[in-house]
Amino acid sequence: MSTRLSSPLQVDVGEAFGFVFRSRNWFGRLAVGALCVFFFWLVIPLFILLGYNVETARDVSSGGRELPPWTNIGQKLADGFFLAVVLFIWGLPGWILSGGGGVQCVGSSCTYTPSALAPLGGLYSLLLGLLTPAIWSQFVEGGFGAAFDFRAIFRRATLQPGMTVTVWLMAIVAGIIGALGVILLVIGVLFTLPYAFAVTANLYGQFSRLTRSAVPAAPLSDRPQAL
C-alpha cells in the first residue's frame, strides 16, 4: 500500500502521442488505416481497423513501442468484430436510458423533450467512459468473456483513479485530433482518424500493463483465450 501511494502508476502521455512517428514505415501503416476509414461503408474494413488497434494495444501492453505490421488480417477482423460486440453490449444500457424522448412540433418549430431517465443515461455513459480502458485491457489480455468480468474491470479502474481519469481525458483529446481532419477535408480525416485510434490504443495498452497487478493471474489451463 505504501509503495502504491509513494510511486503512483501513470501512463506516458508523450509516448502515446509520439510512438506512431517512431514506428518503422509509420506512414505506410497509417495509410492502410486510412484505406479502412475510406471504405468504412463496407463495415468489414472498420472491424479490421478496430482489430488492428487491439493488436496495437496488445503489443504496447507487452512492452512494444511501435505500430504493428498489417499481417494476419483474419485475426484482426475477428478481434475487431468481437470487440465491437463487447462495446455495443456495454453501451446498450446508456442508449436505452437516454432514449424514449418525444418531439413536439408547433407549426415549423419543433422541440425535443428527453425522457425522465436521460440523466441516468448520461451518468452511465460517463461511468462507461471511465471503465473503457479497463474493458479494453480485459479484452486484450483475456478475450471476449474477460471483457465482462465486472470485478476485474472495477479493480483495474480503481487501482489508480487518477491514471484512469488521465487515460479517459487523453482518449478524448485523441478523438478531437481525429475530428480536426475534417478541417483539412477528406484527405486530412483519413489520416487523423487512424492516428487518433493508434494513440488511444497505446493509452489502453499502457493502462493494461500498468493495471495487470490488480487482476490475479489465472492458471494457464483456466485462462480465457483471446479471440
C-alpha atoms as a PDB file:
ATOM      1  CA  MET A   1       0.000   0.000   0.000  1.00  0.00           C
ATOM      2  CA  SER A   2       2.764   2.470   0.925  1.00  0.00           C
ATOM      3  CA  THR A   3       4.604   1.694  -2.315  1.00  0.00           C
ATOM      4  CA  ARG A   4       1.479   2.429  -4.339  1.00  0.00           C
ATOM      5  CA  LEU A   5       0.977   5.778  -2.630  1.00  0.00           C
ATOM      6  CA  SER A   6       4.611   6.875  -2.902  1.00  0.00           C
ATOM      7  CA  SER A   7       5.010   5.772  -6.528  1.00  0.00           C
ATOM      8  CA  PRO A   8       1.628   6.190  -8.255  1.00  0.00           C
ATOM      9  CA  LEU A   9       1.209   4.442 -11.575  1.00  0.00           C
ATOM     10  CA  GLN A  10       0.838   6.721 -14.575  1.00  0.00           C
ATOM     11  CA  VAL A  11       0.726   6.398 -18.339  1.00  0.00           C
ATOM     12  CA  ASP A  12       3.338   8.081 -20.527  1.00  0.00           C
ATOM     13  CA  VAL A  13       1.194  10.549 -22.475  1.00  0.00           C
ATOM     14  CA  GLY A  14       4.127  11.715 -24.602  1.00  0.00           C
ATOM     15  CA  GLU A  15       4.829   8.131 -25.629  1.00  0.00           C
ATOM     16  CA  ALA A  16       1.204   7.625 -26.640  1.00  0.00           C
ATOM     17  CA  PHE A  17       1.115  10.688 -28.881  1.00  0.00           C
ATOM     18  CA  GLY A  18       4.615  10.233 -30.335  1.00  0.00           C
ATOM     19  CA  PHE A  19       5.106   6.487 -30.809  1.00  0.00           C
ATOM     20  CA  VAL A  20       3.421   6.448 -34.232  1.00  0.00           C
ATOM     21  CA  PHE A  21       6.124   8.637 -35.755  1.00  0.00           C
ATOM     22  CA  ARG A  22       8.893   6.491 -34.284  1.00  0.00           C
ATOM     23  CA  SER A  23       7.443   3.344 -35.837  1.00  0.00           C
ATOM     24  CA  ARG A  24       9.028   1.730 -38.858  1.00  0.00           C
ATOM     25  CA  ASN A  25       7.154   2.588 -42.073  1.00  0.00           C
ATOM     26  CA  TRP A  26       4.697   4.625 -39.998  1.00  0.00           C
ATOM     27  CA  PHE A  27       3.283   6.479 -42.992  1.00  0.00           C
ATOM     28  CA  GLY A  28       2.507   3.261 -44.849  1.00  0.00           C
ATOM     29  CA  ARG A  29       0.876   1.713 -41.782  1.00  0.00           C
ATOM     30  CA  LEU A  30      -1.268   4.804 -41.264  1.00  0.00           C
ATOM     31  CA  ALA A  31      -2.115   4.758 -44.972  1.00  0.00           C
ATOM     32  CA  VAL A  32      -3.570   1.254 -44.654  1.00  0.00           C
ATOM     33  CA  GLY A  33      -5.656   2.515 -41.743  1.00  0.00           C
ATOM     34  CA  ALA A  34      -6.744   5.429 -43.935  1.00  0.00           C
ATOM     35  CA  LEU A  35      -7.959   2.944 -46.556  1.00  0.00           C
ATOM     36  CA  CYS A  36     -10.039   1.225 -43.891  1.00  0.00           C
ATOM     37  CA  VAL A  37     -11.591   4.578 -42.997  1.00  0.00           C
ATOM     38  CA  PHE A  38     -12.185   5.394 -46.677  1.00  0.00           C
ATOM     39  CA  PHE A  39     -14.086   2.135 -47.187  1.00  0.00           C
ATOM     40  CA  PHE A  40     -15.946   2.359 -43.859  1.00  0.00           C
ATOM     41  CA  TRP A  41     -19.290   1.874 -45.613  1.00  0.00           C
ATOM     42  CA  LEU A  42     -18.330  -1.754 -46.248  1.00  0.00           C
ATOM     43  CA  VAL A  43     -18.226  -2.230 -42.420  1.00  0.00           C
ATOM     44  CA  ILE A  44     -15.646  -5.033 -42.572  1.00  0.00           C
ATOM     45  CA  PRO A  45     -12.740  -2.558 -43.002  1.00  0.00           C
ATOM     46  CA  LEU A  46     -13.846  -0.873 -39.771  1.00  0.00           C
ATOM     47  CA  PHE A  47     -13.700  -4.206 -37.940  1.00  0.00           C
ATOM     48  CA  ILE A  48     -10.225  -4.788 -39.387  1.00  0.00           C
ATOM     49  CA  LEU A  49      -9.086  -1.333 -38.244  1.00  0.00           C
ATOM     50  CA  LEU A  50     -10.532  -1.931 -34.776  1.00  0.00           C
ATOM     51  CA  GLY A  51      -8.734  -5.287 -34.658  1.00  0.00           C
ATOM     52  CA  TYR A  52      -5.513  -3.582 -35.702  1.00  0.00           C
ATOM     53  CA  ASN A  53      -5.852  -1.275 -32.725  1.00  0.00           C
ATOM     54  CA  VAL A  54      -6.484  -4.265 -30.472  1.00  0.00           C
ATOM     55  CA  GLU A  55      -3.174  -5.661 -31.712  1.00  0.00           C
ATOM     56  CA  THR A  56      -1.522  -2.282 -31.113  1.00  0.00           C
ATOM     57  CA  ALA A  57      -2.810  -2.203 -27.541  1.00  0.00           C
ATOM     58  CA  ARG A  58      -1.733  -5.810 -27.018  1.00  0.00           C
ATOM     59  CA  ASP A  59       1.786  -5.077 -28.302  1.00  0.00           C
ATOM     60  CA  VAL A  60       2.107  -1.991 -26.091  1.00  0.00           C
ATOM     61  CA  SER A  61       0.789  -3.985 -23.140  1.00  0.00           C
ATOM     62  CA  SER A  62       3.627  -6.445 -23.737  1.00  0.00           C
ATOM     63  CA  GLY A  63       6.237  -3.698 -23.920  1.00  0.00           C
ATOM     64  CA  GLY A  64       6.128  -2.844 -27.637  1.00  0.00           C
ATOM     65  CA  ARG A  65       6.763   0.739 -28.725  1.00  0.00           C
ATOM     66  CA  GLU A  66       5.662   0.946 -32.343  1.00  0.00           C
ATOM     67  CA  LEU A  67       2.757   0.252 -34.672  1.00  0.00           C
ATOM     68  CA  PRO A  68       2.445  -3.435 -35.589  1.00  0.00           C
ATOM     69  CA  PRO A  69       2.624  -4.582 -39.220  1.00  0.00           C
ATOM     70  CA  TRP A  70      -0.528  -5.228 -41.216  1.00  0.00           C
ATOM     71  CA  THR A  71      -0.384  -9.029 -41.158  1.00  0.00           C
ATOM     72  CA  ASN A  72      -2.863 -11.742 -40.153  1.00  0.00           C
ATOM     73  CA  ILE A  73      -5.899  -9.792 -41.357  1.00  0.00           C
ATOM     74  CA  GLY A  74      -8.270 -12.619 -40.404  1.00  0.00           C
ATOM     75  CA  GLN A  75      -7.277 -12.325 -36.741  1.00  0.00           C
ATOM     76  CA  LYS A  76      -7.676  -8.556 -36.882  1.00  0.00           C
ATOM     77  CA  LEU A  77     -11.150  -8.953 -38.364  1.00  0.00           C
ATOM     78  CA  ALA A  78     -12.155 -11.390 -35.614  1.00  0.00           C
ATOM     79  CA  ASP A  79     -10.714  -9.222 -32.825  1.00  0.00           C
ATOM     80  CA  GLY A  80     -12.395  -6.128 -34.232  1.00  0.00           C
ATOM     81  CA  PHE A  81     -15.763  -7.803 -34.628  1.00  0.00           C
ATOM     82  CA  PHE A  82     -15.832  -9.274 -31.129  1.00  0.00           C
ATOM     83  CA  LEU A  83     -14.599  -6.057 -29.510  1.00  0.00           C
ATOM     84  CA  ALA A  84     -17.322  -4.155 -31.381  1.00  0.00           C
ATOM     85  CA  VAL A  85     -19.867  -6.576 -29.902  1.00  0.00           C
ATOM     86  CA  VAL A  86     -18.377  -6.037 -26.432  1.00  0.00           C
ATOM     87  CA  LEU A  87     -18.583  -2.250 -26.745  1.00  0.00           C
ATOM     88  CA  PHE A  88     -22.125  -2.463 -28.145  1.00  0.00           C
ATOM     89  CA  ILE A  89     -23.317  -4.559 -25.203  1.00  0.00           C
ATOM     90  CA  TRP A  90     -21.645  -2.273 -22.681  1.00  0.00           C
ATOM     91  CA  GLY A  91     -23.136   0.809 -24.357  1.00  0.00           C
ATOM     92  CA  LEU A  92     -26.666  -0.581 -24.704  1.00  0.00           C
ATOM     93  CA  PRO A  93     -27.919   0.396 -21.202  1.00  0.00           C
ATOM     94  CA  GLY A  94     -26.883   4.015 -21.787  1.00  0.00           C
ATOM     95  CA  TRP A  95     -28.707   4.151 -25.106  1.00  0.00           C
ATOM     96  CA  ILE A  96     -31.838   2.633 -23.585  1.00  0.00           C
ATOM     97  CA  LEU A  97     -31.823   5.043 -20.642  1.00  0.00           C
ATOM     98  CA  SER A  98     -31.163   8.064 -22.861  1.00  0.00           C
ATOM     99  CA  GLY A  99     -33.817   7.128 -25.427  1.00  0.00           C
ATOM    100  CA  GLY A 100     -37.553   7.421 -25.245  1.00  0.00           C
ATOM    101  CA  GLY A 101     -37.812  11.189 -25.510  1.00  0.00           C
ATOM    102  CA  GLY A 102     -40.501  12.901 -27.521  1.00  0.00           C
ATOM    103  CA  VAL A 103     -40.562  15.533 -30.258  1.00  0.00           C
ATOM    104  CA  GLN A 104     -43.328  18.123 -30.234  1.00  0.00           C
ATOM    105  CA  CYS A 105     -43.890  20.381 -33.212  1.00  0.00           C
ATOM    106  CA  VAL A 106     -45.927  23.562 -33.324  1.00  0.00           C
ATOM    107  CA  GLY A 107     -46.020  24.898 -36.833  1.00  0.00           C
ATOM    108  CA  SER A 108     -42.455  24.900 -38.139  1.00  0.00           C
ATOM    109  CA  SER A 109     -40.890  24.846 -34.662  1.00  0.00           C
ATOM    110  CA  CYS A 110     -40.026  21.518 -33.040  1.00  0.00           C
ATOM    111  CA  THR A 111     -38.698  20.812 -29.566  1.00  0.00           C
ATOM    112  CA  TYR A 112     -37.206  17.605 -28.180  1.00  0.00           C
ATOM    113  CA  THR A 113     -38.110  16.527 -24.655  1.00  0.00           C
ATOM    114  CA  PRO A 114     -35.726  13.928 -23.205  1.00  0.00           C
ATOM    115  CA  SER A 115     -37.040  11.030 -21.192  1.00  0.00           C
ATOM    116  CA  ALA A 116     -37.064  11.145 -17.388  1.00  0.00           C
ATOM    117  CA  LEU A 117     -34.274   8.559 -17.370  1.00  0.00           C
ATOM    118  CA  ALA A 118     -31.976  10.568 -19.662  1.00  0.00           C
ATOM    119  CA  PRO A 119     -29.858  11.913 -16.741  1.00  0.00           C
ATOM    120  CA  LEU A 120     -29.215   8.322 -15.669  1.00  0.00           C
ATOM    121  CA  GLY A 121     -28.199   7.538 -19.218  1.00  0.00           C
ATOM    122  CA  GLY A 122     -25.738  10.414 -19.109  1.00  0.00           C
ATOM    123  CA  LEU A 123     -24.270   9.221 -15.821  1.00  0.00           C
ATOM    124  CA  TYR A 124     -23.950   5.698 -17.173  1.00  0.00           C
ATOM    125  CA  SER A 125     -22.172   6.987 -20.290  1.00  0.00           C
ATOM    126  CA  LEU A 126     -19.729   8.915 -18.091  1.00  0.00           C
ATOM    127  CA  LEU A 127     -19.064   5.811 -15.990  1.00  0.00           C
ATOM    128  CA  LEU A 128     -18.619   3.727 -19.133  1.00  0.00           C
ATOM    129  CA  GLY A 129     -16.077   6.208 -20.454  1.00  0.00           C
ATOM    130  CA  LEU A 130     -14.024   5.757 -17.284  1.00  0.00           C
ATOM    131  CA  LEU A 131     -14.353   1.963 -17.448  1.00  0.00           C
ATOM    132  CA  THR A 132     -13.487   1.671 -21.145  1.00  0.00           C
ATOM    133  CA  PRO A 133      -9.687   1.421 -20.623  1.00  0.00           C
ATOM    134  CA  ALA A 134     -10.275  -1.453 -18.177  1.00  0.00           C
ATOM    135  CA  ILE A 135     -12.728  -3.141 -20.572  1.00  0.00           C
ATOM    136  CA  TRP A 136     -10.168  -2.915 -23.373  1.00  0.00           C
ATOM    137  CA  SER A 137      -7.478  -4.242 -21.030  1.00  0.00           C
ATOM    138  CA  GLN A 138      -9.585  -7.254 -20.159  1.00  0.00           C
ATOM    139  CA  PHE A 139     -10.341  -7.966 -23.815  1.00  0.00           C
ATOM    140  CA  VAL A 140      -6.711  -7.527 -24.870  1.00  0.00           C
ATOM    141  CA  GLU A 141      -5.473  -9.939 -22.216  1.00  0.00           C
ATOM    142  CA  GLY A 142      -8.344 -12.403 -21.911  1.00  0.00           C
ATOM    143  CA  GLY A 143     -10.709 -12.141 -24.865  1.00  0.00           C
ATOM    144  CA  PHE A 144     -14.485 -11.774 -25.099  1.00  0.00           C
ATOM    145  CA  GLY A 145     -15.523 -13.314 -21.785  1.00  0.00           C
ATOM    146  CA  ALA A 146     -12.917 -11.401 -19.795  1.00  0.00           C
ATOM    147  CA  ALA A 147     -14.397  -8.124 -21.075  1.00  0.00           C
ATOM    148  CA  PHE A 148     -17.447  -8.851 -18.894  1.00  0.00           C
ATOM    149  CA  ASP A 149     -15.535  -9.756 -15.748  1.00  0.00           C
ATOM    150  CA  PHE A 150     -17.031  -6.906 -13.709  1.00  0.00           C
ATOM    151  CA  ARG A 151     -14.849  -7.482 -10.669  1.00  0.00           C
ATOM    152  CA  ALA A 152     -11.629  -7.382 -12.675  1.00  0.00           C
ATOM    153  CA  ILE A 153     -12.784  -4.319 -14.621  1.00  0.00           C
ATOM    154  CA  PHE A 154     -13.588  -2.334 -11.486  1.00  0.00           C
ATOM    155  CA  ARG A 155     -10.357  -3.430  -9.823  1.00  0.00           C
ATOM    156  CA  ARG A 156      -8.366  -2.167 -12.799  1.00  0.00           C
ATOM    157  CA  ALA A 157     -10.325   1.085 -12.989  1.00  0.00           C
ATOM    158  CA  THR A 158      -9.917   1.842  -9.292  1.00  0.00           C
ATOM    159  CA  LEU A 159      -6.290   0.736  -8.880  1.00  0.00           C
ATOM    160  CA  GLN A 160      -5.145   4.305  -9.615  1.00  0.00           C
ATOM    161  CA  PRO A 161      -8.211   6.540 -10.175  1.00  0.00           C
ATOM    162  CA  GLY A 162      -6.014   9.435 -11.286  1.00  0.00           C
ATOM    163  CA  MET A 163      -4.493   7.329 -14.054  1.00  0.00           C
ATOM    164  CA  THR A 164      -7.943   6.155 -15.139  1.00  0.00           C
ATOM    165  CA  VAL A 165      -9.130   9.754 -15.459  1.00  0.00           C
ATOM    166  CA  THR A 166      -5.954  10.725 -17.335  1.00  0.00           C
ATOM    167  CA  VAL A 167      -6.410   7.935 -19.887  1.00  0.00           C
ATOM    168  CA  TRP A 168     -10.077   8.892 -20.321  1.00  0.00           C
ATOM    169  CA  LEU A 169      -9.227  12.566 -20.884  1.00  0.00           C
ATOM    170  CA  MET A 170      -6.333  11.823 -23.265  1.00  0.00           C
ATOM    171  CA  ALA A 171      -8.574   9.489 -25.284  1.00  0.00           C
ATOM    172  CA  ILE A 172     -10.988  12.427 -25.655  1.00  0.00           C
ATOM    173  CA  VAL A 173      -8.094  14.653 -26.786  1.00  0.00           C
ATOM    174  CA  ALA A 174      -7.099  11.998 -29.338  1.00  0.00           C
ATOM    175  CA  GLY A 175     -10.684  11.948 -30.600  1.00  0.00           C
ATOM    176  CA  ILE A 176     -10.622  15.723 -31.032  1.00  0.00           C
ATOM    177  CA  ILE A 177      -7.403  15.420 -33.031  1.00  0.00           C
ATOM    178  CA  GLY A 178      -9.087  12.817 -35.215  1.00  0.00           C
ATOM    179  CA  ALA A 179     -12.037  15.138 -35.820  1.00  0.00           C
ATOM    180  CA  LEU A 180      -9.717  18.016 -36.754  1.00  0.00           C
ATOM    181  CA  GLY A 181      -9.082  16.204 -40.018  1.00  0.00           C
ATOM    182  CA  VAL A 182     -12.459  17.494 -41.178  1.00  0.00           C
ATOM    183  CA  ILE A 183     -10.887  20.952 -41.357  1.00  0.00           C
ATOM    184  CA  LEU A 184      -8.360  19.533 -43.819  1.00  0.00           C
ATOM    185  CA  LEU A 185     -11.176  17.967 -45.846  1.00  0.00           C
ATOM    186  CA  VAL A 186     -11.376  14.254 -46.593  1.00  0.00           C
ATOM    187  CA  ILE A 187      -7.658  13.627 -47.042  1.00  0.00           C
ATOM    188  CA  GLY A 188      -6.966  15.052 -43.598  1.00  0.00           C
ATOM    189  CA  VAL A 189      -9.559  12.995 -41.759  1.00  0.00           C
ATOM    190  CA  LEU A 190      -8.357   9.802 -43.464  1.00  0.00           C
ATOM    191  CA  PHE A 191      -5.032  10.146 -41.640  1.00  0.00           C
ATOM    192  CA  THR A 192      -6.003  11.924 -38.426  1.00  0.00           C
ATOM    193  CA  LEU A 193      -8.582   9.263 -37.509  1.00  0.00           C
ATOM    194  CA  PRO A 194      -6.161   6.291 -37.774  1.00  0.00           C
ATOM    195  CA  TYR A 195      -3.616   8.351 -35.823  1.00  0.00           C
ATOM    196  CA  ALA A 196      -6.179   9.122 -33.106  1.00  0.00           C
ATOM    197  CA  PHE A 197      -7.133   5.439 -32.917  1.00  0.00           C
ATOM    198  CA  ALA A 198      -3.460   4.469 -32.581  1.00  0.00           C
ATOM    199  CA  VAL A 199      -2.919   6.985 -29.765  1.00  0.00           C
ATOM    200  CA  THR A 200      -5.953   5.643 -27.919  1.00  0.00           C
ATOM    201  CA  ALA A 201      -4.800   2.057 -28.426  1.00  0.00           C
ATOM    202  CA  ASN A 202      -1.390   2.958 -26.988  1.00  0.00           C
ATOM    203  CA  LEU A 203      -3.046   4.557 -23.939  1.00  0.00           C
ATOM    204  CA  TYR A 204      -5.160   1.451 -23.381  1.00  0.00           C
ATOM    205  CA  GLY A 205      -2.149  -0.800 -23.875  1.00  0.00           C
ATOM    206  CA  GLN A 206      -0.167   1.104 -21.259  1.00  0.00           C
ATOM    207  CA  PHE A 207      -3.177   1.008 -18.936  1.00  0.00           C
ATOM    208  CA  SER A 208      -3.425  -2.747 -19.429  1.00  0.00           C
ATOM    209  CA  ARG A 209       0.229  -3.266 -18.495  1.00  0.00           C
ATOM    210  CA  LEU A 210       0.121  -0.932 -15.500  1.00  0.00           C
ATOM    211  CA  THR A 211      -3.077  -2.396 -14.031  1.00  0.00           C
ATOM    212  CA  ARG A 212      -2.200  -6.056 -14.578  1.00  0.00           C
ATOM    213  CA  SER A 213      -1.312  -6.368 -10.898  1.00  0.00           C
ATOM    214  CA  ALA A 214      -4.941  -5.624  -9.994  1.00  0.00           C
ATOM    215  CA  VAL A 215      -6.091  -8.875 -11.587  1.00  0.00           C
ATOM    216  CA  PRO A 216      -4.733 -12.112 -10.080  1.00  0.00           C
ATOM    217  CA  ALA A 217      -3.217 -14.325 -12.757  1.00  0.00           C
ATOM    218  CA  ALA A 218      -5.249 -17.426 -13.508  1.00  0.00           C
ATOM    219  CA  PRO A 219      -3.611 -20.815 -14.069  1.00  0.00           C
ATOM    220  CA  LEU A 220      -2.706 -21.313 -17.705  1.00  0.00           C
ATOM    221  CA  SER A 221      -5.331 -24.027 -18.133  1.00  0.00           C
ATOM    222  CA  ASP A 222      -8.053 -21.672 -16.845  1.00  0.00           C
ATOM    223  CA  ARG A 223      -7.181 -18.545 -18.769  1.00  0.00           C
ATOM    224  CA  PRO A 224      -9.657 -17.490 -21.458  1.00  0.00           C
ATOM    225  CA  GLN A 225      -8.214 -17.413 -24.933  1.00  0.00           C
ATOM    226  CA  ALA A 226      -8.100 -14.108 -26.814  1.00  0.00           C
ATOM    227  CA  LEU A 227     -10.257 -14.123 -29.901  1.00  0.00           C
END
